[in-house]
């Protein structure tokens, strides 16, 4: 599967404001906080990009669905189920 971003891009230090108790618990459990933040950001980016794509293509999707409702799909005469 293609990645949405360059996974080999260099790391960039950032400042984050996190709940201090949650941060303390995460560190005490040995969690990789940078890795978790990166995974959460990657998931949020993926979700937002999917939402944007659906919104940008809503007209085409609706048009296709209307066409299928009126005319069926190309394989209607071929499939056996």
N, C-alpha and C. Protein backbone atom coordinates (compact mmCIF):
# COMPACT_ATOMS: atom_id res chain seq x y z
N UNK A 1 0.84 -1.18 0.00
CA UNK A 1 0.00 0.00 0.00
C UNK A 1 0.88 1.24 0.00
N UNK A 2 0.51 2.21 -0.79
CA UNK A 2 1.27 3.44 -0.86
C UNK A 2 1.08 4.27 0.40
N UNK A 3 2.15 4.89 0.84
CA UNK A 3 2.07 5.75 2.01
C UNK A 3 1.62 7.14 1.58
N UNK A 4 0.95 7.82 2.48
CA UNK A 4 0.48 9.18 2.20
C UNK A 4 1.60 10.20 2.34
N UNK A 5 2.70 9.78 2.93
CA UNK A 5 3.81 10.70 3.18
C UNK A 5 5.10 9.90 3.09
N UNK A 6 6.20 10.63 3.01
CA UNK A 6 7.51 9.98 2.94
C UNK A 6 7.89 9.46 4.32
N UNK A 7 7.90 8.16 4.48
CA UNK A 7 8.23 7.58 5.78
C UNK A 7 9.71 7.73 6.11
N UNK A 8 10.53 8.01 5.11
CA UNK A 8 11.97 8.17 5.34
C UNK A 8 12.37 9.64 5.50
N UNK A 9 11.38 10.54 5.57
CA UNK A 9 11.69 11.96 5.75
C UNK A 9 12.36 12.16 7.11
N UNK A 10 13.26 13.14 7.20
CA UNK A 10 13.93 13.37 8.48
C UNK A 10 12.96 13.80 9.57
N UNK A 11 13.31 13.46 10.80
CA UNK A 11 12.49 13.84 11.95
C UNK A 11 12.71 15.33 12.24
N UNK A 12 11.69 15.98 12.74
CA UNK A 12 11.77 17.40 13.07
C UNK A 12 11.30 17.56 14.52
N UNK A 13 12.12 18.17 15.37
CA UNK A 13 11.67 18.37 16.75
C UNK A 13 10.55 19.40 16.82
N UNK A 14 9.56 19.12 17.67
CA UNK A 14 8.43 20.03 17.86
C UNK A 14 8.13 20.15 19.35
N UNK A 15 7.44 21.20 19.70
CA UNK A 15 6.97 21.37 21.07
C UNK A 15 5.49 21.05 21.12
N UNK A 16 5.10 20.22 22.06
CA UNK A 16 3.70 19.86 22.24
C UNK A 16 3.28 20.17 23.67
N UNK A 17 2.04 20.51 23.83
CA UNK A 17 1.48 20.66 25.17
C UNK A 17 0.58 19.47 25.43
N UNK A 18 0.94 18.66 26.42
CA UNK A 18 0.19 17.45 26.74
C UNK A 18 -0.23 17.49 28.20
N UNK A 19 -1.29 16.78 28.49
CA UNK A 19 -1.73 16.61 29.86
C UNK A 19 -0.57 16.00 30.66
N UNK A 20 -0.13 16.66 31.71
CA UNK A 20 1.06 16.22 32.44
C UNK A 20 0.88 14.86 33.09
N UNK A 21 -0.31 14.55 33.58
CA UNK A 21 -0.56 13.26 34.19
C UNK A 21 -0.51 12.15 33.15
N UNK A 22 -1.10 12.40 31.99
CA UNK A 22 -1.08 11.42 30.91
C UNK A 22 0.35 11.20 30.42
N UNK A 23 1.11 12.26 30.31
CA UNK A 23 2.51 12.16 29.89
C UNK A 23 3.30 11.31 30.89
N UNK A 24 3.11 11.56 32.16
CA UNK A 24 3.80 10.81 33.21
C UNK A 24 3.44 9.32 33.13
N UNK A 25 2.15 9.03 32.96
CA UNK A 25 1.72 7.63 32.85
C UNK A 25 2.32 6.95 31.62
N UNK A 26 2.29 7.65 30.51
CA UNK A 26 2.85 7.09 29.28
C UNK A 26 4.32 6.76 29.42
N UNK A 27 5.08 7.69 30.01
CA UNK A 27 6.51 7.45 30.22
C UNK A 27 6.74 6.30 31.19
N UNK A 28 5.93 6.24 32.24
CA UNK A 28 6.11 5.17 33.24
C UNK A 28 5.80 3.79 32.65
N UNK A 29 4.98 3.75 31.62
CA UNK A 29 4.65 2.48 30.96
C UNK A 29 5.62 2.15 29.84
N UNK A 30 6.61 3.01 29.64
CA UNK A 30 7.62 2.76 28.62
C UNK A 30 7.13 2.98 27.20
N UNK A 31 6.10 3.79 27.05
CA UNK A 31 5.57 4.04 25.71
C UNK A 31 6.50 4.95 24.92
N UNK A 32 6.60 4.70 23.64
CA UNK A 32 7.37 5.55 22.74
C UNK A 32 6.46 6.72 22.36
N UNK A 33 6.60 7.83 23.07
CA UNK A 33 5.68 8.95 22.89
C UNK A 33 5.79 9.57 21.50
N UNK A 34 7.00 9.68 20.99
CA UNK A 34 7.16 10.23 19.64
C UNK A 34 6.52 9.32 18.60
N UNK A 35 6.73 8.03 18.76
CA UNK A 35 6.14 7.07 17.83
C UNK A 35 4.62 7.09 17.89
N UNK A 36 4.07 7.16 19.11
CA UNK A 36 2.62 7.22 19.25
C UNK A 36 2.04 8.49 18.65
N UNK A 37 2.72 9.61 18.88
CA UNK A 37 2.25 10.87 18.31
C UNK A 37 2.28 10.81 16.78
N UNK A 38 3.34 10.22 16.23
CA UNK A 38 3.45 10.10 14.78
C UNK A 38 2.36 9.20 14.21
N UNK A 39 2.08 8.08 14.88
CA UNK A 39 1.02 7.17 14.43
C UNK A 39 -0.34 7.85 14.49
N UNK A 40 -0.60 8.57 15.58
CA UNK A 40 -1.89 9.26 15.72
C UNK A 40 -2.04 10.34 14.67
N UNK A 41 -0.97 11.07 14.39
CA UNK A 41 -1.02 12.12 13.37
C UNK A 41 -1.22 11.51 11.99
N UNK A 42 -0.54 10.41 11.70
CA UNK A 42 -0.70 9.74 10.41
C UNK A 42 -2.14 9.27 10.22
N UNK A 43 -2.74 8.72 11.27
CA UNK A 43 -4.13 8.27 11.19
C UNK A 43 -5.07 9.45 10.98
N UNK A 44 -4.85 10.54 11.71
CA UNK A 44 -5.70 11.72 11.57
C UNK A 44 -5.59 12.31 10.17
N UNK A 45 -4.39 12.32 9.61
CA UNK A 45 -4.18 12.82 8.24
C UNK A 45 -4.92 11.93 7.25
N UNK A 46 -4.81 10.62 7.43
CA UNK A 46 -5.48 9.67 6.53
C UNK A 46 -6.99 9.85 6.56
N UNK A 47 -7.55 9.98 7.75
CA UNK A 47 -8.99 10.18 7.90
C UNK A 47 -9.43 11.48 7.26
N UNK A 48 -8.70 12.56 7.53
CA UNK A 48 -9.07 13.87 6.98
C UNK A 48 -8.96 13.88 5.46
N UNK A 49 -7.94 13.22 4.92
CA UNK A 49 -7.78 13.17 3.47
C UNK A 49 -8.91 12.35 2.83
N UNK A 50 -9.33 11.27 3.49
CA UNK A 50 -10.44 10.46 2.98
C UNK A 50 -11.74 11.27 2.99
N UNK A 51 -11.95 12.01 4.08
CA UNK A 51 -13.15 12.86 4.16
C UNK A 51 -13.14 13.91 3.05
N UNK A 52 -11.98 14.52 2.82
CA UNK A 52 -11.86 15.53 1.77
C UNK A 52 -12.13 14.92 0.40
N UNK A 53 -11.57 13.73 0.15
CA UNK A 53 -11.77 13.07 -1.13
C UNK A 53 -13.25 12.79 -1.35
N UNK A 54 -13.92 12.27 -0.32
CA UNK A 54 -15.35 11.98 -0.46
C UNK A 54 -16.15 13.25 -0.74
N UNK A 55 -15.79 14.33 -0.06
CA UNK A 55 -16.49 15.59 -0.28
C UNK A 55 -16.24 16.13 -1.69
N UNK A 56 -15.00 16.07 -2.13
CA UNK A 56 -14.65 16.57 -3.47
C UNK A 56 -15.30 15.74 -4.58
N UNK A 57 -15.53 14.47 -4.32
CA UNK A 57 -16.06 13.58 -5.35
C UNK A 57 -17.51 13.19 -5.14
N UNK A 58 -18.18 13.87 -4.23
CA UNK A 58 -19.57 13.54 -3.90
C UNK A 58 -20.48 13.61 -5.13
N UNK A 59 -20.29 14.60 -5.97
CA UNK A 59 -21.11 14.74 -7.17
C UNK A 59 -20.93 13.58 -8.13
N UNK A 60 -19.68 13.18 -8.35
CA UNK A 60 -19.41 12.06 -9.25
C UNK A 60 -19.96 10.76 -8.68
N UNK A 61 -19.81 10.57 -7.38
CA UNK A 61 -20.32 9.36 -6.73
C UNK A 61 -21.84 9.30 -6.85
N UNK A 62 -22.49 10.43 -6.61
CA UNK A 62 -23.94 10.48 -6.72
C UNK A 62 -24.38 10.21 -8.16
N UNK A 63 -23.68 10.80 -9.12
CA UNK A 63 -23.99 10.56 -10.52
C UNK A 63 -23.84 9.10 -10.91
N UNK A 64 -22.77 8.47 -10.44
CA UNK A 64 -22.56 7.05 -10.72
C UNK A 64 -23.67 6.21 -10.10
N UNK A 65 -23.99 6.49 -8.85
CA UNK A 65 -25.05 5.72 -8.17
C UNK A 65 -26.39 5.88 -8.89
N UNK A 66 -26.68 7.07 -9.37
CA UNK A 66 -27.92 7.29 -10.13
C UNK A 66 -27.90 6.51 -11.44
N UNK A 67 -26.74 6.50 -12.10
CA UNK A 67 -26.60 5.76 -13.35
C UNK A 67 -26.82 4.26 -13.11
N UNK A 68 -26.22 3.72 -12.05
CA UNK A 68 -26.37 2.31 -11.74
C UNK A 68 -27.82 2.00 -11.38
N UNK A 69 -28.47 2.89 -10.64
CA UNK A 69 -29.87 2.66 -10.28
C UNK A 69 -30.76 2.63 -11.52
N UNK A 70 -30.43 3.45 -12.51
CA UNK A 70 -31.26 3.52 -13.72
C UNK A 70 -30.90 2.44 -14.74
N UNK A 71 -29.61 2.09 -14.84
CA UNK A 71 -29.16 1.22 -15.93
C UNK A 71 -28.48 -0.06 -15.47
N UNK A 72 -28.22 -0.20 -14.19
CA UNK A 72 -27.48 -1.36 -13.69
C UNK A 72 -26.00 -1.20 -13.95
N UNK A 73 -25.24 -2.23 -13.63
CA UNK A 73 -23.79 -2.20 -13.86
C UNK A 73 -23.46 -2.99 -15.11
N UNK A 74 -22.27 -2.78 -15.65
CA UNK A 74 -21.90 -3.36 -16.93
C UNK A 74 -21.96 -4.88 -16.93
N UNK A 75 -21.77 -5.51 -15.79
CA UNK A 75 -21.70 -6.97 -15.75
C UNK A 75 -23.03 -7.64 -15.41
N UNK A 76 -24.11 -6.89 -15.38
CA UNK A 76 -25.40 -7.48 -15.02
C UNK A 76 -25.77 -8.68 -15.90
N UNK A 77 -25.46 -8.61 -17.16
CA UNK A 77 -25.82 -9.69 -18.07
C UNK A 77 -24.85 -10.84 -18.06
N UNK A 78 -23.72 -10.72 -17.37
CA UNK A 78 -22.68 -11.72 -17.38
C UNK A 78 -22.61 -12.51 -16.09
N UNK A 79 -22.78 -11.85 -14.98
CA UNK A 79 -22.58 -12.53 -13.69
C UNK A 79 -23.68 -13.56 -13.43
N UNK A 80 -23.34 -14.53 -12.61
CA UNK A 80 -24.26 -15.64 -12.34
C UNK A 80 -24.63 -15.75 -10.87
N UNK A 81 -24.69 -14.64 -10.18
CA UNK A 81 -25.10 -14.66 -8.77
C UNK A 81 -26.13 -13.61 -8.51
